[in-house]
Amino acid sequence: MNSRVNRQILLDSRPTREPTAANFKLVETPVTEPGPGQVLVRNHYLSLDPYMRGRMGEQKSYAKPQPVGEVMIGGTVGQVVASRAPELAVGDFVTGMGGWQEYHLADAVMIRKIDTRSVPITAYLGPAGMPGVTAWYGLNEIIAPKAGETVVVSAASGAVGSVVGQLAKARGARVVGIAGGPDKCRYVTEELGFDACLDHRSYSDAAAMVAALGAACPTGIDGCFENVGGIGLDAVLARANPFARIALCGLIAGYNGRPIPISFPQLLLVMRIKLQGFIVSDHMEMWPKALAELAALVGSGRLKYRETIAQGLEAAPGAFLGLLNGQNFGKQLVKLIP
């Protein structure tokens, strides 16, 4: 008889503006044993990501809203503890969309076996996982920088931005980051190798940011990987060269309902700028190539990353709220095992 108990965090209510801990609910349920073709996974780590904020609402988006009363969506890594699928054995390490819970029952075709011998298990939720592929796709397929061009990366110390900058440097670009706070800016330049980094908290308006970005990008801006929006994007547009390319990955500055108008929309036309929004799950055909390259870089130590790890499932809501306010440093994870 199965005596395992699964602790889960549900979306208990939809936030009206900024989410709070009251929007989540911790529950306990019996663990269900796998059926034919299924496996039971003990989740070791949960990934927290900005896209989850959009799923909490009912506004029009690229994916269906997170249902109220169900386990919050989220990527996980863990270990198979029961299997009725021939391709996966007990003890295998896997990654999938296990959600905010300690156990995950899944069809074997919906999860991916991972090799933890040369790549740390947590990296499969960061530089060797979805955030890394997001960075890889936006840089290579949209910005496509040439050697000597200048690329600006917002949220540069984060799980996606940190990978973008390192990949751009490997292509010979000059890379300027935008991050929140002197510690993050130091990390971006001294450890990740960006050429410069601006602390967005030091600038009160777009004009000040434009001046600072102009000094950091003396030959103008040829590419931008945008995660935030707001005055940083305004400043990029003001300093963009003709035919600049902007990969629009996120607009976290407006996720809680704050308006984020573009101050210089005319520059999109007169500078013939390409601004392309993208969702990495639309490009699954590119994932195997990207994941193989990223895992090799992580395994060799050539791709650096940092993690913030909250302890225990009950810490997930607070860690998520902190993520939305920039309190994390690097990839935000939750450790689910003792």
Protein backbone atom coordinates (compact mmCIF):
# COMPACT_ATOMS: atom_id res chain seq x y z
CA MET A 1 0.00 0.00 0.00
CA ASN A 2 1.35 3.43 -0.94
CA SER A 3 1.89 5.62 2.13
CA ARG A 4 3.53 8.56 0.36
CA VAL A 5 1.99 12.00 0.83
CA ASN A 6 2.38 14.67 -1.83
CA ARG A 7 2.56 18.29 -0.72
CA GLN A 8 1.35 20.68 -3.41
CA ILE A 9 0.90 24.43 -3.84
CA LEU A 10 -2.25 25.43 -5.70
CA LEU A 11 -3.32 28.71 -7.23
CA ASP A 12 -6.07 29.57 -4.75
CA SER A 13 -7.19 32.87 -6.29
CA ARG A 14 -6.22 35.21 -9.12
CA PRO A 15 -4.36 38.42 -8.18
CA THR A 16 -6.00 41.69 -9.15
CA ARG A 17 -2.67 43.51 -9.48
CA GLU A 18 0.45 42.48 -7.57
CA PRO A 19 0.20 38.88 -6.34
CA THR A 20 0.52 38.03 -2.65
CA ALA A 21 1.05 34.88 -0.61
CA ALA A 22 -2.73 34.73 -0.13
CA ASN A 23 -3.12 33.74 -3.81
CA PHE A 24 -1.51 30.36 -3.05
CA LYS A 25 -2.56 27.40 -0.94
CA LEU A 26 -0.50 24.50 0.43
CA VAL A 27 -2.30 21.13 0.49
CA GLU A 28 -1.48 17.47 1.04
CA THR A 29 -2.77 14.66 -1.17
CA PRO A 30 -2.05 10.92 -1.49
CA VAL A 31 0.55 9.97 -4.09
CA THR A 32 -0.88 8.07 -7.06
CA GLU A 33 1.08 5.10 -8.38
CA PRO A 34 1.96 5.11 -12.12
CA GLY A 35 -0.14 3.34 -14.71
CA PRO A 36 1.11 1.80 -17.96
CA GLY A 37 3.59 4.10 -19.71
CA GLN A 38 3.85 6.37 -16.67
CA VAL A 39 6.46 7.17 -14.05
CA LEU A 40 6.35 8.68 -10.58
CA VAL A 41 9.03 11.32 -10.02
CA ARG A 42 10.26 12.70 -6.70
CA ASN A 43 10.92 16.32 -7.58
CA HIS A 44 14.25 17.59 -6.24
CA TYR A 45 14.15 21.21 -7.46
CA LEU A 46 11.45 23.54 -8.76
CA SER A 47 12.13 26.36 -11.19
CA LEU A 48 10.47 29.74 -10.60
CA ASP A 49 10.14 31.93 -13.70
CA PRO A 50 8.56 35.27 -14.65
CA TYR A 51 6.15 33.67 -17.15
CA MET A 52 4.22 32.21 -14.22
CA ARG A 53 2.90 35.67 -13.36
CA GLY A 54 1.15 35.89 -16.72
CA ARG A 55 -0.42 32.46 -16.26
CA MET A 56 -1.99 33.57 -12.97
CA GLY A 57 -4.30 36.01 -14.78
CA GLU A 58 -7.00 35.55 -17.39
CA GLN A 59 -5.78 38.09 -19.93
CA LYS A 60 -5.18 37.09 -23.54
CA SER A 61 -1.85 35.32 -23.85
CA TYR A 62 0.07 32.66 -25.75
CA ALA A 63 -1.04 29.94 -23.31
CA LYS A 64 -4.14 29.10 -21.29
CA PRO A 65 -4.36 30.60 -17.80
CA GLN A 66 -3.31 28.59 -14.79
CA PRO A 67 -6.56 27.04 -13.48
CA VAL A 68 -7.60 28.12 -10.00
CA GLY A 69 -7.57 25.20 -7.57
CA GLU A 70 -4.88 23.27 -9.44
CA VAL A 71 -1.16 22.78 -8.88
CA MET A 72 0.88 25.77 -10.05
CA ILE A 73 2.71 25.15 -13.30
CA GLY A 74 6.50 24.91 -13.18
CA GLY A 75 9.56 23.10 -14.46
CA THR A 76 11.23 20.54 -12.20
CA VAL A 77 14.13 18.13 -12.02
CA GLY A 78 13.94 14.96 -10.00
CA GLN A 79 14.39 11.22 -9.80
CA VAL A 80 12.13 8.37 -10.90
CA VAL A 81 10.88 6.45 -7.85
CA ALA A 82 8.38 4.15 -9.61
CA SER A 83 8.12 3.25 -13.29
CA ARG A 84 5.83 1.38 -15.64
CA ALA A 85 7.59 2.74 -18.72
CA PRO A 86 10.35 0.62 -20.30
CA GLU A 87 12.40 3.65 -21.35
CA LEU A 88 12.77 4.99 -17.80
CA ALA A 89 14.00 3.08 -14.75
CA VAL A 90 13.83 3.74 -11.05
CA GLY A 91 16.78 5.97 -10.19
CA ASP A 92 16.88 7.84 -13.51
CA PHE A 93 17.14 11.61 -13.26
CA VAL A 94 14.59 13.51 -15.37
CA THR A 95 13.27 16.97 -16.11
CA GLY A 96 9.73 18.02 -17.00
CA MET A 97 6.83 20.24 -16.02
CA GLY A 98 6.33 18.71 -12.62
CA GLY A 99 4.71 21.76 -11.03
CA TRP A 100 4.84 23.17 -7.51
CA GLN A 101 4.71 19.81 -5.74
CA GLU A 102 6.99 17.18 -4.25
CA TYR A 103 5.86 14.26 -6.43
CA HIS A 104 4.97 14.26 -10.10
CA LEU A 105 3.02 11.55 -11.93
CA ALA A 106 3.73 11.79 -15.66
CA ASP A 107 3.50 10.00 -18.96
CA ALA A 108 7.05 9.00 -19.85
CA VAL A 109 6.83 10.78 -23.21
CA MET A 110 6.34 14.11 -21.40
CA ILE A 111 9.63 14.07 -19.49
CA ARG A 112 13.27 13.93 -20.52
CA LYS A 113 16.06 11.83 -19.05
CA ILE A 114 19.11 13.90 -18.08
CA ASP A 115 22.77 13.13 -17.44
CA THR A 116 23.99 14.54 -14.14
CA ARG A 117 27.55 13.21 -14.38
CA SER A 118 29.03 16.35 -15.97
CA VAL A 119 26.15 18.82 -15.68
CA PRO A 120 24.74 19.62 -12.21
CA ILE A 121 21.09 18.67 -11.87
CA THR A 122 20.00 22.24 -11.15
CA ALA A 123 21.57 23.50 -14.39
CA TYR A 124 18.84 21.69 -16.32
CA LEU A 125 16.43 24.31 -14.95
CA GLY A 126 18.79 27.16 -15.88
CA PRO A 127 21.55 27.46 -18.49
CA ALA A 128 21.08 23.89 -19.76
CA GLY A 129 17.29 24.13 -19.73
CA MET A 130 14.45 26.40 -20.80
CA PRO A 131 16.12 29.70 -19.77
CA GLY A 132 19.26 28.75 -21.65
CA VAL A 133 17.35 27.78 -24.77
CA THR A 134 15.42 31.07 -24.55
CA ALA A 135 18.71 32.97 -24.48
CA TRP A 136 20.19 30.85 -27.28
CA TYR A 137 17.20 31.28 -29.59
CA GLY A 138 16.70 35.02 -29.10
CA LEU A 139 20.38 35.77 -29.60
CA ASN A 140 21.13 33.45 -32.50
CA GLU A 141 17.87 33.51 -34.43
CA ILE A 142 16.68 37.11 -33.89
CA ILE A 143 19.63 39.33 -32.95
CA ALA A 144 22.28 37.27 -34.79
CA PRO A 145 25.13 39.63 -33.83
CA LYS A 146 28.22 40.03 -35.95
CA ALA A 147 31.67 40.39 -34.43
CA GLY A 148 32.21 43.98 -33.35
CA GLU A 149 28.52 44.84 -32.98
CA THR A 150 27.08 46.05 -29.66
CA VAL A 151 24.37 44.05 -27.87
CA VAL A 152 22.47 45.30 -24.80
CA VAL A 153 20.93 42.78 -22.39
CA SER A 154 18.37 43.75 -19.73
CA ALA A 155 18.02 41.70 -16.53
CA ALA A 156 21.62 40.81 -17.31
CA SER A 157 22.34 38.91 -14.09
CA GLY A 158 19.24 36.73 -14.42
CA ALA A 159 18.87 33.17 -15.64
CA VAL A 160 18.26 34.22 -19.26
CA GLY A 161 20.21 37.46 -19.54
CA SER A 162 23.41 36.02 -18.09
CA VAL A 163 23.46 33.34 -20.80
CA VAL A 164 22.65 35.83 -23.57
CA GLY A 165 25.63 37.99 -22.69
CA GLN A 166 28.10 35.13 -22.53
CA LEU A 167 26.93 33.70 -25.86
CA ALA A 168 27.12 37.15 -27.45
CA LYS A 169 30.67 37.64 -26.17
CA ALA A 170 31.61 34.28 -27.69
CA ARG A 171 30.38 35.63 -31.05
CA GLY A 172 32.69 38.62 -30.73
CA ALA A 173 30.12 41.26 -29.77
CA ARG A 174 30.54 44.11 -27.32
CA VAL A 175 28.00 43.38 -24.58
CA VAL A 176 26.42 45.90 -22.21
CA GLY A 177 24.14 44.70 -19.43
CA ILE A 178 21.40 46.41 -17.44
CA ALA A 179 20.84 45.05 -13.93
CA GLY A 180 19.49 46.11 -10.55
CA GLY A 181 22.12 47.08 -8.00
CA PRO A 182 25.92 47.38 -7.84
CA ASP A 183 26.46 43.77 -6.74
CA LYS A 184 24.65 42.42 -9.77
CA CYS A 185 26.49 44.82 -12.08
CA ARG A 186 29.84 43.75 -10.63
CA TYR A 187 28.94 40.11 -11.18
CA VAL A 188 27.91 40.80 -14.77
CA THR A 189 31.20 42.47 -15.67
CA GLU A 190 33.74 40.75 -13.41
CA GLU A 191 32.45 37.16 -13.53
CA LEU A 192 30.38 36.91 -16.72
CA GLY A 193 32.69 39.08 -18.82
CA PHE A 194 30.25 41.75 -20.05
CA ASP A 195 32.03 44.90 -21.24
CA ALA A 196 29.87 47.20 -19.09
CA CYS A 197 26.74 47.12 -16.94
CA LEU A 198 24.31 49.88 -15.93
CA ASP A 199 22.46 49.84 -12.63
CA HIS A 200 18.91 50.81 -13.64
CA ARG A 201 18.15 51.82 -10.06
CA SER A 202 20.56 54.74 -10.48
CA TYR A 203 18.43 56.46 -13.15
CA SER A 204 15.16 58.18 -12.40
CA ASP A 205 13.96 58.67 -15.97
CA ALA A 206 14.59 57.71 -19.56
CA ALA A 207 16.75 60.78 -20.28
CA ALA A 208 19.28 59.80 -17.62
CA MET A 209 19.34 56.22 -18.87
CA VAL A 210 19.76 57.39 -22.47
CA ALA A 211 22.82 59.42 -21.49
CA ALA A 212 24.38 56.55 -19.55
CA LEU A 213 23.67 54.03 -22.28
CA GLY A 214 25.15 56.37 -24.87
CA ALA A 215 28.39 56.52 -22.88
CA ALA A 216 28.48 52.71 -22.55
CA CYS A 217 27.67 52.17 -26.24
CA PRO A 218 29.74 54.81 -28.09
CA THR A 219 29.10 53.26 -31.51
CA GLY A 220 25.36 52.79 -30.90
CA ILE A 221 23.35 49.63 -30.33
CA ASP A 222 22.94 46.89 -32.92
CA GLY A 223 21.04 44.30 -30.88
CA CYS A 224 19.03 44.12 -27.67
CA PHE A 225 17.71 41.19 -25.68
CA GLU A 226 14.79 42.71 -23.78
CA ASN A 227 13.43 41.11 -20.62
CA VAL A 228 12.05 44.10 -18.74
CA GLY A 229 10.65 47.02 -20.76
CA GLY A 230 10.26 50.53 -19.34
CA ILE A 231 12.99 53.16 -19.37
CA GLY A 232 15.67 50.65 -20.35
CA LEU A 233 13.90 49.84 -23.60
CA ASP A 234 13.29 53.55 -24.20
CA ALA A 235 17.01 54.18 -23.84
CA VAL A 236 17.88 51.35 -26.23
CA LEU A 237 15.56 52.78 -28.89
CA ALA A 238 17.14 56.22 -28.45
CA ARG A 239 20.63 54.80 -29.03
CA ALA A 240 19.81 52.13 -31.62
CA ASN A 241 21.63 52.03 -34.93
CA PRO A 242 19.78 51.64 -38.23
CA PHE A 243 18.51 48.07 -38.69
CA ALA A 244 19.03 47.15 -35.02
CA ARG A 245 17.35 43.93 -33.88
CA ILE A 246 15.43 43.57 -30.61
CA ALA A 247 14.51 40.13 -29.26
CA LEU A 248 11.51 40.79 -27.01
CA CYS A 249 11.51 38.01 -24.43
CA GLY A 250 9.69 39.63 -21.50
CA LEU A 251 8.23 42.83 -20.08
CA ILE A 252 8.45 42.12 -16.38
CA ALA A 253 8.15 45.84 -15.54
CA GLY A 254 4.47 45.63 -16.52
CA TYR A 255 3.52 42.17 -15.25
CA ASN A 256 1.62 43.53 -12.24
CA GLY A 257 -0.47 45.95 -14.27
CA ARG A 258 1.89 48.93 -14.37
CA PRO A 259 1.76 50.83 -17.68
CA ILE A 260 4.99 50.60 -19.70
CA PRO A 261 4.49 52.85 -22.74
CA ILE A 262 7.29 53.21 -25.29
CA SER A 263 8.48 56.82 -25.27
CA PHE A 264 10.12 56.81 -28.71
CA PRO A 265 7.95 54.59 -30.97
CA GLN A 266 8.83 56.67 -34.02
CA LEU A 267 12.40 55.37 -33.81
CA LEU A 268 11.18 51.88 -34.66
CA LEU A 269 10.27 53.29 -38.06
CA VAL A 270 12.94 55.86 -38.80
CA MET A 271 15.80 53.56 -37.68
CA ARG A 272 14.15 50.53 -39.38
CA ILE A 273 14.41 48.51 -36.19
CA LYS A 274 13.24 44.91 -36.08
CA LEU A 275 11.41 44.22 -32.80
CA GLN A 276 10.31 40.60 -32.56
CA GLY A 277 8.53 39.00 -29.65
CA PHE A 278 9.07 35.29 -29.24
CA ILE A 279 8.02 32.36 -27.07
CA VAL A 280 10.65 29.65 -26.95
CA SER A 281 8.10 26.82 -26.83
CA ASP A 282 7.06 27.79 -30.37
CA HIS A 283 10.44 26.58 -31.61
CA MET A 284 10.78 23.05 -30.23
CA GLU A 285 12.62 21.96 -33.37
CA MET A 286 15.59 24.07 -32.21
CA TRP A 287 15.74 22.68 -28.66
CA PRO A 288 17.92 19.57 -29.27
CA LYS A 289 20.66 21.61 -30.97
CA ALA A 290 20.50 24.37 -28.35
CA LEU A 291 20.43 21.99 -25.38
CA ALA A 292 23.39 19.99 -26.67
CA GLU A 293 25.46 23.15 -27.12
CA LEU A 294 24.46 24.62 -23.77
CA ALA A 295 25.06 21.41 -21.81
CA ALA A 296 28.54 21.13 -23.35
CA LEU A 297 29.33 24.72 -22.34
CA VAL A 298 28.09 24.17 -18.78
CA GLY A 299 29.90 20.85 -18.46
CA SER A 300 33.19 22.39 -19.58
CA GLY A 301 32.83 25.38 -17.25
CA ARG A 302 32.73 27.87 -20.12
CA LEU A 303 29.16 28.98 -19.33
CA LYS A 304 28.90 30.48 -15.86
CA TYR A 305 25.73 30.88 -13.84
CA ARG A 306 24.47 31.72 -10.37
CA GLU A 307 21.51 30.36 -8.42
CA THR A 308 19.30 31.55 -5.58
CA ILE A 309 17.81 28.55 -3.80
CA ALA A 310 14.85 28.70 -1.41
CA GLN A 311 14.45 25.77 0.99
CA GLY A 312 11.26 23.73 1.02
CA LEU A 313 8.03 23.80 -0.97
CA GLU A 314 6.39 26.18 1.49
CA ALA A 315 9.02 28.80 0.56
CA ALA A 316 7.96 28.84 -3.11
CA PRO A 317 5.33 31.63 -2.94
CA GLY A 318 7.64 34.04 -1.13
CA ALA A 319 10.53 33.24 -3.46
CA PHE A 320 8.28 33.80 -6.47
CA LEU A 321 7.11 37.18 -5.19
CA GLY A 322 10.75 38.11 -4.59
CA LEU A 323 11.62 37.09 -8.14
CA LEU A 324 9.02 39.48 -9.54
CA ASN A 325 10.66 42.29 -7.56
CA GLY A 326 14.23 41.43 -8.53
CA GLN A 327 15.27 40.06 -5.14
CA ASN A 328 16.84 36.90 -6.57
CA PHE A 329 20.38 36.72 -7.90
CA GLY A 330 20.61 34.50 -10.97
CA LYS A 331 18.29 31.55 -11.40
CA GLN A 332 15.57 31.22 -8.72
CA LEU A 333 15.05 27.64 -7.56
CA VAL A 334 13.27 25.89 -4.73
CA LYS A 335 14.88 22.81 -3.17
CA LEU A 336 12.18 20.23 -2.48
CA ILE A 337 14.20 17.46 -0.82
CA PRO A 338 15.70 17.54 2.69
